[in-house]
Amino acid sequence: MDYARYNTLCTFFTLDEPMHIELNLPSGEKTLKEVFKTLGRVRYLKVQEYGTNEREKQQCTINILWNPKLRNCTHVEVKTIYETVLYKIELQQMPFDDEVEILAYRND
């Protein structure tokens, strides 16, 4: 496996939403809790959505080594030289050869 292609810092988060004790409903105070950091390979893609709400949607595909903590993660922050962007994890595949591929979209 070529580890030189993992050149982008990715920080994974979980969305922590506390519940109201008496009403058993979300209290509305959402916070992101950092789970772990790792290096990954990121490929960017811009998708044009057509229909009633036409817009450009920025997506990325992230390849990282499998980590069991990844199962509970909901967001990923990708840090590059030029920008730091927070993405929401949409789809992840089961690990193949200790590598997992994650599709993430920009959280706008």
PDB file of N, CA and C in Angstrom:
ATOM      1  N   MET A   1       0.848  -1.173   0.000  1.00  0.00           N
ATOM      2  CA  MET A   1       0.000   0.000   0.000  1.00  0.00           C
ATOM      3  C   MET A   1       0.894   1.236   0.000  1.00  0.00           C
ATOM      4  N   ASP A   2       0.551   2.199  -0.834  1.00  0.00           N
ATOM      5  CA  ASP A   2       1.336   3.420  -0.979  1.00  0.00           C
ATOM      6  C   ASP A   2       0.828   4.471   0.004  1.00  0.00           C
ATOM      7  N   TYR A   3       1.578   4.701   1.082  1.00  0.00           N
ATOM      8  CA  TYR A   3       1.167   5.665   2.098  1.00  0.00           C
ATOM      9  C   TYR A   3       1.525   7.095   1.714  1.00  0.00           C
ATOM     10  N   ALA A   4       2.287   7.309   0.659  1.00  0.00           N
ATOM     11  CA  ALA A   4       2.681   8.655   0.251  1.00  0.00           C
ATOM     12  C   ALA A   4       1.503   9.443  -0.311  1.00  0.00           C
ATOM     13  N   ARG A   5       0.453   8.780  -0.744  1.00  0.00           N
ATOM     14  CA  ARG A   5      -0.691   9.501  -1.303  1.00  0.00           C
ATOM     15  C   ARG A   5      -1.577  10.114  -0.215  1.00  0.00           C
ATOM     16  N   TYR A   6      -1.406   9.722   1.036  1.00  0.00           N
ATOM     17  CA  TYR A   6      -2.156  10.329   2.146  1.00  0.00           C
ATOM     18  C   TYR A   6      -1.441  11.616   2.545  1.00  0.00           C
ATOM     19  N   ASN A   7      -1.934  12.749   2.046  1.00  0.00           N
ATOM     20  CA  ASN A   7      -1.228  14.004   2.243  1.00  0.00           C
ATOM     21  C   ASN A   7      -2.101  15.134   2.759  1.00  0.00           C
ATOM     22  N   THR A   8      -3.349  14.878   3.148  1.00  0.00           N
ATOM     23  CA  THR A   8      -4.267  15.909   3.614  1.00  0.00           C
ATOM     24  C   THR A   8      -4.725  15.575   5.025  1.00  0.00           C
ATOM     25  N   LEU A   9      -4.681  16.565   5.908  1.00  0.00           N
ATOM     26  CA  LEU A   9      -5.109  16.354   7.289  1.00  0.00           C
ATOM     27  C   LEU A   9      -6.625  16.362   7.377  1.00  0.00           C
ATOM     28  N   CYS A  10      -7.196  15.311   7.926  1.00  0.00           N
ATOM     29  CA  CYS A  10      -8.639  15.182   8.100  1.00  0.00           C
ATOM     30  C   CYS A  10      -8.935  14.989   9.579  1.00  0.00           C
ATOM     31  N   THR A  11      -9.825  15.812  10.110  1.00  0.00           N
ATOM     32  CA  THR A  11     -10.247  15.707  11.498  1.00  0.00           C
ATOM     33  C   THR A  11     -11.707  15.290  11.515  1.00  0.00           C
ATOM     34  N   PHE A  12     -12.015  14.211  12.215  1.00  0.00           N
ATOM     35  CA  PHE A  12     -13.370  13.678  12.240  1.00  0.00           C
ATOM     36  C   PHE A  12     -14.073  14.064  13.531  1.00  0.00           C
ATOM     37  N   PHE A  13     -15.379  14.374  13.405  1.00  0.00           N
ATOM     38  CA  PHE A  13     -16.189  14.847  14.522  1.00  0.00           C
ATOM     39  C   PHE A  13     -17.478  14.046  14.614  1.00  0.00           C
ATOM     40  N   THR A  14     -18.075  14.065  15.803  1.00  0.00           N
ATOM     41  CA  THR A  14     -19.435  13.566  15.982  1.00  0.00           C
ATOM     42  C   THR A  14     -20.301  14.743  16.394  1.00  0.00           C
ATOM     43  N   LEU A  15     -21.559  14.716  15.986  1.00  0.00           N
ATOM     44  CA  LEU A  15     -22.495  15.762  16.345  1.00  0.00           C
ATOM     45  C   LEU A  15     -23.114  15.399  17.685  1.00  0.00           C
ATOM     46  N   ASP A  16     -22.835  16.212  18.688  1.00  0.00           N
ATOM     47  CA  ASP A  16     -23.338  15.963  20.039  1.00  0.00           C
ATOM     48  C   ASP A  16     -24.543  16.859  20.267  1.00  0.00           C
ATOM     49  N   GLU A  17     -25.715  16.244  20.380  1.00  0.00           N
ATOM     50  CA  GLU A  17     -26.948  16.982  20.581  1.00  0.00           C
ATOM     51  C   GLU A  17     -27.608  16.501  21.875  1.00  0.00           C
ATOM     52  N   PRO A  18     -27.461  17.277  22.964  1.00  0.00           N
ATOM     53  CA  PRO A  18     -28.033  16.833  24.233  1.00  0.00           C
ATOM     54  C   PRO A  18     -29.565  16.844  24.202  1.00  0.00           C
ATOM     55  N   MET A  19     -30.131  15.917  24.927  1.00  0.00           N
ATOM     56  CA  MET A  19     -31.587  15.795  24.994  1.00  0.00           C
ATOM     57  C   MET A  19     -32.119  16.502  26.236  1.00  0.00           C
ATOM     58  N   HIS A  20     -33.304  17.103  26.100  1.00  0.00           N
ATOM     59  CA  HIS A  20     -33.989  17.715  27.240  1.00  0.00           C
ATOM     60  C   HIS A  20     -34.522  16.592  28.119  1.00  0.00           C
ATOM     61  N   ILE A  21     -34.232  16.647  29.394  1.00  0.00           N
ATOM     62  CA  ILE A  21     -34.536  15.528  30.297  1.00  0.00           C
ATOM     63  C   ILE A  21     -36.036  15.300  30.440  1.00  0.00           C
ATOM     64  N   GLU A  22     -36.798  16.364  30.639  1.00  0.00           N
ATOM     65  CA  GLU A  22     -38.230  16.198  30.910  1.00  0.00           C
ATOM     66  C   GLU A  22     -39.052  15.950  29.646  1.00  0.00           C
ATOM     67  N   LEU A  23     -38.694  16.617  28.561  1.00  0.00           N
ATOM     68  CA  LEU A  23     -39.486  16.486  27.336  1.00  0.00           C
ATOM     69  C   LEU A  23     -39.006  15.386  26.409  1.00  0.00           C
ATOM     70  N   ASN A  24     -37.792  14.889  26.624  1.00  0.00           N
ATOM     71  CA  ASN A  24     -37.168  13.876  25.788  1.00  0.00           C
ATOM     72  C   ASN A  24     -37.091  14.327  24.324  1.00  0.00           C
ATOM     73  N   LEU A  25     -36.757  15.604  24.147  1.00  0.00           N
ATOM     74  CA  LEU A  25     -36.578  16.194  22.825  1.00  0.00           C
ATOM     75  C   LEU A  25     -35.193  16.828  22.759  1.00  0.00           C
ATOM     76  N   PRO A  26     -34.657  17.019  21.565  1.00  0.00           N
ATOM     77  CA  PRO A  26     -33.360  17.700  21.467  1.00  0.00           C
ATOM     78  C   PRO A  26     -33.453  19.113  22.019  1.00  0.00           C
ATOM     79  N   SER A  27     -32.423  19.512  22.760  1.00  0.00           N
ATOM     80  CA  SER A  27     -32.449  20.830  23.406  1.00  0.00           C
ATOM     81  C   SER A  27     -32.066  21.955  22.461  1.00  0.00           C
ATOM     82  N   GLY A  28     -31.543  21.657  21.284  1.00  0.00           N
ATOM     83  CA  GLY A  28     -31.221  22.678  20.296  1.00  0.00           C
ATOM     84  C   GLY A  28     -29.790  23.163  20.344  1.00  0.00           C
ATOM     85  N   GLU A  29     -29.007  22.721  21.290  1.00  0.00           N
ATOM     86  CA  GLU A  29     -27.609  23.126  21.406  1.00  0.00           C
ATOM     87  C   GLU A  29     -26.722  22.035  20.809  1.00  0.00           C
ATOM     88  N   LYS A  30     -26.419  22.159  19.526  1.00  0.00           N
ATOM     89  CA  LYS A  30     -25.596  21.157  18.851  1.00  0.00           C
ATOM     90  C   LYS A  30     -24.133  21.579  18.916  1.00  0.00           C
ATOM     91  N   THR A  31     -23.277  20.633  19.238  1.00  0.00           N
ATOM     92  CA  THR A  31     -21.840  20.885  19.263  1.00  0.00           C
ATOM     93  C   THR A  31     -21.126  19.736  18.552  1.00  0.00           C
ATOM     94  N   LEU A  32     -19.998  20.063  17.968  1.00  0.00           N
ATOM     95  CA  LEU A  32     -19.166  19.050  17.327  1.00  0.00           C
ATOM     96  C   LEU A  32     -18.059  18.646  18.285  1.00  0.00           C
ATOM     97  N   LYS A  33     -17.919  17.354  18.488  1.00  0.00           N
ATOM     98  CA  LYS A  33     -16.896  16.818  19.385  1.00  0.00           C
ATOM     99  C   LYS A  33     -15.864  16.076  18.549  1.00  0.00           C
ATOM    100  N   GLU A  34     -14.608  16.487  18.698  1.00  0.00           N
ATOM    101  CA  GLU A  34     -13.529  15.873  17.915  1.00  0.00           C
ATOM    102  C   GLU A  34     -13.293  14.433  18.361  1.00  0.00           C
ATOM    103  N   VAL A  35     -13.180  13.542  17.366  1.00  0.00           N
ATOM    104  CA  VAL A  35     -12.970  12.127  17.661  1.00  0.00           C
ATOM    105  C   VAL A  35     -11.523  11.726  17.396  1.00  0.00           C
ATOM    106  N   PHE A  36     -11.022  11.981  16.178  1.00  0.00           N
ATOM    107  CA  PHE A  36      -9.633  11.666  15.877  1.00  0.00           C
ATOM    108  C   PHE A  36      -9.182  12.426  14.629  1.00  0.00           C
ATOM    109  N   LYS A  37      -7.868  12.473  14.439  1.00  0.00           N
ATOM    110  CA  LYS A  37      -7.252  13.107  13.265  1.00  0.00           C
ATOM    111  C   LYS A  37      -6.425  12.062  12.538  1.00  0.00           C
ATOM    112  N   THR A  38      -6.381  12.202  11.227  1.00  0.00           N
ATOM    113  CA  THR A  38      -5.586  11.289  10.420  1.00  0.00           C
ATOM    114  C   THR A  38      -5.255  11.949   9.087  1.00  0.00           C
ATOM    115  N   LEU A  39      -4.333  11.358   8.377  1.00  0.00           N
ATOM    116  CA  LEU A  39      -4.014  11.818   7.033  1.00  0.00           C
ATOM    117  C   LEU A  39      -4.823  11.010   6.028  1.00  0.00           C
ATOM    118  N   GLY A  40      -5.278  11.670   4.971  1.00  0.00           N
ATOM    119  CA  GLY A  40      -6.068  10.988   3.959  1.00  0.00           C
ATOM    120  C   GLY A  40      -5.806  11.544   2.580  1.00  0.00           C
ATOM    121  N   ARG A  41      -6.398  10.897   1.597  1.00  0.00           N
ATOM    122  CA  ARG A  41      -6.320  11.369   0.215  1.00  0.00           C
ATOM    123  C   ARG A  41      -7.687  11.913  -0.144  1.00  0.00           C
ATOM    124  N   VAL A  42      -7.727  13.173  -0.589  1.00  0.00           N
ATOM    125  CA  VAL A  42      -8.990  13.849  -0.874  1.00  0.00           C
ATOM    126  C   VAL A  42      -9.048  14.195  -2.358  1.00  0.00           C
ATOM    127  N   ARG A  43     -10.164  13.821  -2.988  1.00  0.00           N
ATOM    128  CA  ARG A  43     -10.435  14.185  -4.384  1.00  0.00           C
ATOM    129  C   ARG A  43     -11.717  15.011  -4.399  1.00  0.00           C
ATOM    130  N   TYR A  44     -11.658  16.182  -5.011  1.00  0.00           N
ATOM    131  CA  TYR A  44     -12.793  17.107  -5.013  1.00  0.00           C
ATOM    132  C   TYR A  44     -13.634  16.942  -6.264  1.00  0.00           C
ATOM    133  N   LEU A  45     -14.930  17.257  -6.126  1.00  0.00           N
ATOM    134  CA  LEU A  45     -15.870  17.121  -7.215  1.00  0.00           C
ATOM    135  C   LEU A  45     -16.957  18.171  -7.037  1.00  0.00           C
ATOM    136  N   LYS A  46     -17.293  18.877  -8.109  1.00  0.00           N
ATOM    137  CA  LYS A  46     -18.407  19.818  -8.064  1.00  0.00           C
ATOM    138  C   LYS A  46     -19.546  19.225  -8.868  1.00  0.00           C
ATOM    139  N   VAL A  47     -20.723  19.156  -8.251  1.00  0.00           N
ATOM    140  CA  VAL A  47     -21.890  18.541  -8.866  1.00  0.00           C
ATOM    141  C   VAL A  47     -22.937  19.624  -9.068  1.00  0.00           C
ATOM    142  N   GLN A  48     -23.523  19.663 -10.255  1.00  0.00           N
ATOM    143  CA  GLN A  48     -24.592  20.616 -10.544  1.00  0.00           C
ATOM    144  C   GLN A  48     -25.919  19.939 -10.262  1.00  0.00           C
ATOM    145  N   GLU A  49     -26.716  20.517  -9.358  1.00  0.00           N
ATOM    146  CA  GLU A  49     -28.036  19.976  -9.054  1.00  0.00           C
ATOM    147  C   GLU A  49     -29.077  20.751  -9.844  1.00  0.00           C
ATOM    148  N   TYR A  50     -29.937  20.035 -10.543  1.00  0.00           N
ATOM    149  CA  TYR A  50     -30.980  20.670 -11.331  1.00  0.00           C
ATOM    150  C   TYR A  50     -32.332  20.434 -10.681  1.00  0.00           C
ATOM    151  N   GLY A  51     -33.286  21.242 -11.028  1.00  0.00           N
ATOM    152  CA  GLY A  51     -34.625  21.113 -10.474  1.00  0.00           C
ATOM    153  C   GLY A  51     -35.084  22.459  -9.968  1.00  0.00           C
ATOM    154  N   THR A  52     -35.879  22.438  -8.926  1.00  0.00           N
ATOM    155  CA  THR A  52     -36.412  23.697  -8.391  1.00  0.00           C
ATOM    156  C   THR A  52     -35.341  24.514  -7.683  1.00  0.00           C
ATOM    157  N   ASN A  53     -34.371  23.849  -7.088  1.00  0.00           N
ATOM    158  CA  ASN A  53     -33.307  24.546  -6.366  1.00  0.00           C
ATOM    159  C   ASN A  53     -31.989  24.263  -7.078  1.00  0.00           C
ATOM    160  N   GLU A  54     -31.700  25.027  -8.137  1.00  0.00           N
ATOM    161  CA  GLU A  54     -30.475  24.788  -8.896  1.00  0.00           C
ATOM    162  C   GLU A  54     -29.295  25.416  -8.181  1.00  0.00           C
ATOM    163  N   ARG A  55     -28.280  24.620  -7.962  1.00  0.00           N
ATOM    164  CA  ARG A  55     -27.070  25.104  -7.290  1.00  0.00           C
ATOM    165  C   ARG A  55     -25.932  24.144  -7.566  1.00  0.00           C
ATOM    166  N   GLU A  56     -24.751  24.601  -7.229  1.00  0.00           N
ATOM    167  CA  GLU A  56     -23.569  23.765  -7.351  1.00  0.00           C
ATOM    168  C   GLU A  56     -23.257  23.190  -5.976  1.00  0.00           C
ATOM    169  N   LYS A  57     -23.062  21.906  -5.925  1.00  0.00           N
ATOM    170  CA  LYS A  57     -22.807  21.230  -4.659  1.00  0.00           C
ATOM    171  C   LYS A  57     -21.373  20.718  -4.671  1.00  0.00           C
ATOM    172  N   GLN A  58     -20.596  21.126  -3.684  1.00  0.00           N
ATOM    173  CA  GLN A  58     -19.208  20.684  -3.623  1.00  0.00           C
ATOM    174  C   GLN A  58     -19.117  19.406  -2.800  1.00  0.00           C
ATOM    175  N   GLN A  59     -18.531  18.390  -3.391  1.00  0.00           N
ATOM    176  CA  GLN A  59     -18.356  17.106  -2.727  1.00  0.00           C
ATOM    177  C   GLN A  59     -16.894  16.717  -2.754  1.00  0.00           C
ATOM    178  N   CYS A  60     -16.551  15.771  -1.925  1.00  0.00           N
ATOM    179  CA  CYS A  60     -15.208  15.211  -1.985  1.00  0.00           C
ATOM    180  C   CYS A  60     -15.274  13.737  -1.624  1.00  0.00           C
ATOM    181  N   THR A  61     -14.310  13.018  -2.111  1.00  0.00           N
ATOM    182  CA  THR A  61     -14.143  11.610  -1.772  1.00  0.00           C
ATOM    183  C   THR A  61     -12.856  11.496  -0.981  1.00  0.00           C
ATOM    184  N   ILE A  62     -12.957  10.917   0.203  1.00  0.00           N
ATOM    185  CA  ILE A  62     -11.820  10.813   1.109  1.00  0.00           C
ATOM    186  C   ILE A  62     -11.460   9.344   1.276  1.00  0.00           C
ATOM    187  N   ASN A  63     -10.213   9.024   1.052  1.00  0.00           N
ATOM    188  CA  ASN A  63      -9.700   7.675   1.304  1.00  0.00           C
ATOM    189  C   ASN A  63      -8.784   7.743   2.522  1.00  0.00           C
ATOM    190  N   ILE A  64      -9.094   6.953   3.534  1.00  0.00           N
ATOM    191  CA  ILE A  64      -8.263   6.903   4.739  1.00  0.00           C
ATOM    192  C   ILE A  64      -8.132   5.453   5.173  1.00  0.00           C
ATOM    193  N   LEU A  65      -7.211   5.221   6.076  1.00  0.00           N
ATOM    194  CA  LEU A  65      -7.090   3.890   6.669  1.00  0.00           C
ATOM    195  C   LEU A  65      -8.231   3.684   7.648  1.00  0.00           C
ATOM    196  N   TRP A  66      -8.729   2.476   7.730  1.00  0.00           N
ATOM    197  CA  TRP A  66      -9.885   2.168   8.578  1.00  0.00           C
ATOM    198  C   TRP A  66      -9.558   2.372  10.047  1.00  0.00           C
ATOM    199  N   ASN A  67     -10.487   3.009  10.740  1.00  0.00           N
ATOM    200  CA  ASN A  67     -10.402   3.216  12.183  1.00  0.00           C
ATOM    201  C   ASN A  67     -11.782   2.902  12.753  1.00  0.00           C
ATOM    202  N   PRO A  68     -11.887   2.086  13.800  1.00  0.00           N
ATOM    203  CA  PRO A  68     -13.208   1.749  14.358  1.00  0.00           C
ATOM    204  C   PRO A  68     -13.983   2.960  14.876  1.00  0.00           C
ATOM    205  N   LYS A  69     -13.299   4.036  15.241  1.00  0.00           N
ATOM    206  CA  LYS A  69     -13.978   5.240  15.719  1.00  0.00           C
ATOM    207  C   LYS A  69     -14.762   5.927  14.608  1.00  0.00           C
ATOM    208  N   LEU A  70     -14.499   5.564  13.379  1.00  0.00           N
ATOM    209  CA  LEU A  70     -15.127   6.196  12.221  1.00  0.00           C
ATOM    210  C   LEU A  70     -16.619   5.886  12.130  1.00  0.00           C
ATOM    211  N   ARG A  71     -17.073   4.830  12.744  1.00  0.00           N
ATOM    212  CA  ARG A  71     -18.477   4.423  12.649  1.00  0.00           C
ATOM    213  C   ARG A  71     -19.435   5.473  13.187  1.00  0.00           C
ATOM    214  N   ASN A  72     -19.039   6.205  14.222  1.00  0.00           N
ATOM    215  CA  ASN A  72     -19.925   7.180  14.852  1.00  0.00           C
ATOM    216  C   ASN A  72     -19.737   8.592  14.335  1.00  0.00           C
ATOM    217  N   CYS A  73     -18.808   8.811  13.429  1.00  0.00           N
ATOM    218  CA  CYS A  73     -18.504  10.170  12.964  1.00  0.00           C
ATOM    219  C   CYS A  73     -19.563  10.667  11.979  1.00  0.00           C
ATOM    220  N   THR A  74     -19.876  11.956  12.081  1.00  0.00           N
ATOM    221  CA  THR A  74     -20.870  12.562  11.208  1.00  0.00           C
ATOM    222  C   THR A  74     -20.291  13.676  10.345  1.00  0.00           C
ATOM    223  N   HIS A  75     -19.185  14.282  10.761  1.00  0.00           N
ATOM    224  CA  HIS A  75     -18.588  15.394  10.039  1.00  0.00           C
ATOM    225  C   HIS A  75     -17.079  15.189   9.918  1.00  0.00           C
ATOM    226  N   VAL A  76     -16.491  15.814   8.901  1.00  0.00           N
ATOM    227  CA  VAL A  76     -15.048  15.777   8.710  1.00  0.00           C
ATOM    228  C   VAL A  76     -14.587  17.173   8.309  1.00  0.00           C
ATOM    229  N   GLU A  77     -13.468  17.576   8.872  1.00  0.00           N
ATOM    230  CA  GLU A  77     -12.861  18.859   8.527  1.00  0.00           C
ATOM    231  C   GLU A  77     -11.600  18.564   7.729  1.00  0.00           C
ATOM    232  N   VAL A  78     -11.527  19.115   6.511  1.00  0.00           N
ATOM    233  CA  VAL A  78     -10.390  18.894   5.626  1.00  0.00           C
ATOM    234  C   VAL A  78      -9.540  20.150   5.625  1.00  0.00           C
ATOM    235  N   LYS A  79      -8.283  20.017   6.043  1.00  0.00           N
ATOM    236  CA  LYS A  79      -7.369  21.151   6.099  1.00  0.00           C
ATOM    237  C   LYS A  79      -6.357  21.047   4.972  1.00  0.00           C
ATOM    238  N   THR A  80      -6.305  22.089   4.162  1.00  0.00           N
ATOM    239  CA  THR A  80      -5.303  22.188   3.123  1.00  0.00           C
ATOM    240  C   THR A  80      -4.527  23.477   3.339  1.00  0.00           C
ATOM    241  N   ILE A  81      -3.595  23.746   2.464  1.00  0.00           N
ATOM    242  CA  ILE A  81      -2.812  24.979   2.577  1.00  0.00           C
ATOM    243  C   ILE A  81      -3.705  26.191   2.357  1.00  0.00           C
ATOM    244  N   TYR A  82      -4.700  26.048   1.493  1.00  0.00           N
ATOM    245  CA  TYR A  82      -5.504  27.184   1.085  1.00  0.00           C
ATOM    246  C   TYR A  82      -6.744  27.411   1.932  1.00  0.00           C
ATOM    247  N   GLU A  83      -7.357  26.357   2.441  1.00  0.00           N
ATOM    248  CA  GLU A  83      -8.601  26.533   3.185  1.00  0.00           C
ATOM    249  C   GLU A  83      -8.862  25.354   4.125  1.00  0.00           C
ATOM    250  N   THR A  84      -9.758  25.597   5.058  1.00  0.00           N
ATOM    251  CA  THR A  84     -10.242  24.569   5.966  1.00  0.00           C
ATOM    252  C   THR A  84     -11.753  24.491   5.786  1.00  0.00           C
ATOM    253  N   VAL A  85     -12.249  23.325   5.377  1.00  0.00           N
ATOM    254  CA  VAL A  85     -13.665  23.171   5.050  1.00  0.00           C
ATOM    255  C   VAL A  85     -14.258  22.039   5.876  1.00  0.00           C
ATOM    256  N   LEU A  86     -15.475  22.272   6.376  1.00  0.00           N
ATOM    257  CA  LEU A  86     -16.201  21.258   7.129  1.00  0.00           C
ATOM    258  C   LEU A  86     -17.178  20.562   6.185  1.00  0.00           C
ATOM    259  N   TYR A  87     -17.102  19.239   6.115  1.00  0.00           N
ATOM    260  CA  TYR A  87     -17.977  18.434   5.266  1.00  0.00           C
ATOM    261  C   TYR A  87     -18.822  17.524   6.145  1.00  0.00           C
ATOM    262  N   LYS A  88     -19.986  17.170   5.645  1.00  0.00           N
ATOM    263  CA  LYS A  88     -20.846  16.206   6.320  1.00  0.00           C
ATOM    264  C   LYS A  88     -20.692  14.869   5.618  1.00  0.00           C
ATOM    265  N   ILE A  89     -20.505  13.825   6.380  1.00  0.00           N
ATOM    266  CA  ILE A  89     -20.309  12.491   5.815  1.00  0.00           C
ATOM    267  C   ILE A  89     -21.660  11.947   5.362  1.00  0.00           C
ATOM    268  N   GLU A  90     -21.706  11.543   4.097  1.00  0.00           N
ATOM    269  CA  GLU A  90     -22.952  11.054   3.533  1.00  0.00           C
ATOM    270  C   GLU A  90     -22.953   9.538   3.375  1.00  0.00           C
ATOM    271  N   LEU A  91     -21.850   8.990   2.929  1.00  0.00           N
ATOM    272  CA  LEU A  91     -21.805   7.567   2.611  1.00  0.00           C
ATOM    273  C   LEU A  91     -20.411   7.047   2.885  1.00  0.00           C
ATOM    274  N   GLN A  92     -20.335   5.910   3.466  1.00  0.00           N
ATOM    275  CA  GLN A  92     -19.028   5.292   3.616  1.00  0.00           C
ATOM    276  C   GLN A  92     -19.148   3.809   3.313  1.00  0.00           C
ATOM    277  N   GLN A  93     -18.118   3.302   2.684  1.00  0.00           N
ATOM    278  CA  GLN A  93     -18.094   1.897   2.306  1.00  0.00           C
ATOM    279  C   GLN A  93     -17.335   1.100   3.355  1.00  0.00           C
ATOM    280  N   MET A  94     -17.579  -0.162   3.360  1.00  0.00           N
ATOM    281  CA  MET A  94     -16.844  -1.041   4.261  1.00  0.00           C
ATOM    282  C   MET A  94     -15.382  -1.074   3.851  1.00  0.00           C
ATOM    283  N   PRO A  95     -14.491  -1.256   4.806  1.00  0.00           N
ATOM    284  CA  PRO A  95     -13.059  -1.218   4.486  1.00  0.00           C
ATOM    285  C   PRO A  95     -12.652  -2.332   3.528  1.00  0.00           C
ATOM    286  N   PHE A  96     -11.829  -1.956   2.572  1.00  0.00           N
ATOM    287  CA  PHE A  96     -11.265  -2.904   1.625  1.00  0.00           C
ATOM    288  C   PHE A  96      -9.760  -2.716   1.666  1.00  0.00           C
ATOM    289  N   ASP A  97      -9.038  -3.745   2.031  1.00  0.00           N
ATOM    290  CA  ASP A  97      -7.588  -3.685   2.148  1.00  0.00           C
ATOM    291  C   ASP A  97      -7.174  -2.606   3.159  1.00  0.00           C
ATOM    292  N   ASP A  98      -7.890  -2.539   4.292  1.00  0.00           N
ATOM    293  CA  ASP A  98      -7.652  -1.586   5.384  1.00  0.00           C
ATOM    294  C   ASP A  98      -7.849  -0.129   4.972  1.00  0.00           C
ATOM    295  N   GLU A  99      -8.533   0.106   3.869  1.00  0.00           N
ATOM    296  CA  GLU A  99      -8.801   1.475   3.428  1.00  0.00           C
ATOM    297  C   GLU A  99     -10.301   1.633   3.236  1.00  0.00           C
ATOM    298  N   VAL A 100     -10.823   2.789   3.647  1.00  0.00           N
ATOM    299  CA  VAL A 100     -12.250   3.060   3.492  1.00  0.00           C
ATOM    300  C   VAL A 100     -12.406   4.317   2.641  1.00  0.00           C
ATOM    301  N   GLU A 101     -13.453   4.334   1.822  1.00  0.00           N
ATOM    302  CA  GLU A 101     -13.747   5.483   0.970  1.00  0.00           C
ATOM    303  C   GLU A 101     -15.016   6.162   1.489  1.00  0.00           C
ATOM    304  N   ILE A 102     -14.920   7.471   1.720  1.00  0.00           N
ATOM    305  CA  ILE A 102     -16.018   8.243   2.302  1.00  0.00           C
ATOM    306  C   ILE A 102     -16.425   9.318   1.304  1.00  0.00           C
ATOM    307  N   LEU A 103     -17.726   9.437   1.066  1.00  0.00           N
ATOM    308  CA  LEU A 103     -18.251  10.528   0.263  1.00  0.00           C
ATOM    309  C   LEU A 103     -18.774  11.585   1.226  1.00  0.00           C
ATOM    310  N   ALA A 104     -18.303  12.812   1.063  1.00  0.00           N
ATOM    311  CA  ALA A 104     -18.694  13.895   1.962  1.00  0.00           C
ATOM    312  C   ALA A 104     -19.135  15.082   1.121  1.00  0.00           C
ATOM    313  N   TYR A 105     -20.100  15.838   1.633  1.00  0.00           N
ATOM    314  CA  TYR A 105     -20.542  17.031   0.934  1.00  0.00           C
ATOM    315  C   TYR A 105     -20.442  18.236   1.838  1.00  0.00           C
ATOM    316  N   ARG A 106     -20.288  19.393   1.219  1.00  0.00           N
ATOM    317  CA  ARG A 106     -20.082  20.629   1.967  1.00  0.00           C
ATOM    318  C   ARG A 106     -21.320  20.978   2.757  1.00  0.00           C
ATOM    319  N   ASN A 107     -21.122  21.339   4.011  1.00  0.00           N
ATOM    320  CA  ASN A 107     -22.207  21.618   4.925  1.00  0.00           C
ATOM    321  C   ASN A 107     -22.596  23.102   4.825  1.00  0.00           C
ATOM    322  N   ASP A 108     -23.359  23.462   3.789  1.00  0.00           N
ATOM    323  CA  ASP A 108     -23.788  24.862   3.609  1.00  0.00           C
ATOM    324  C   ASP A 108     -25.204  25.054   4.056  1.00  0.00           C
TER     325      ASP A 108
END
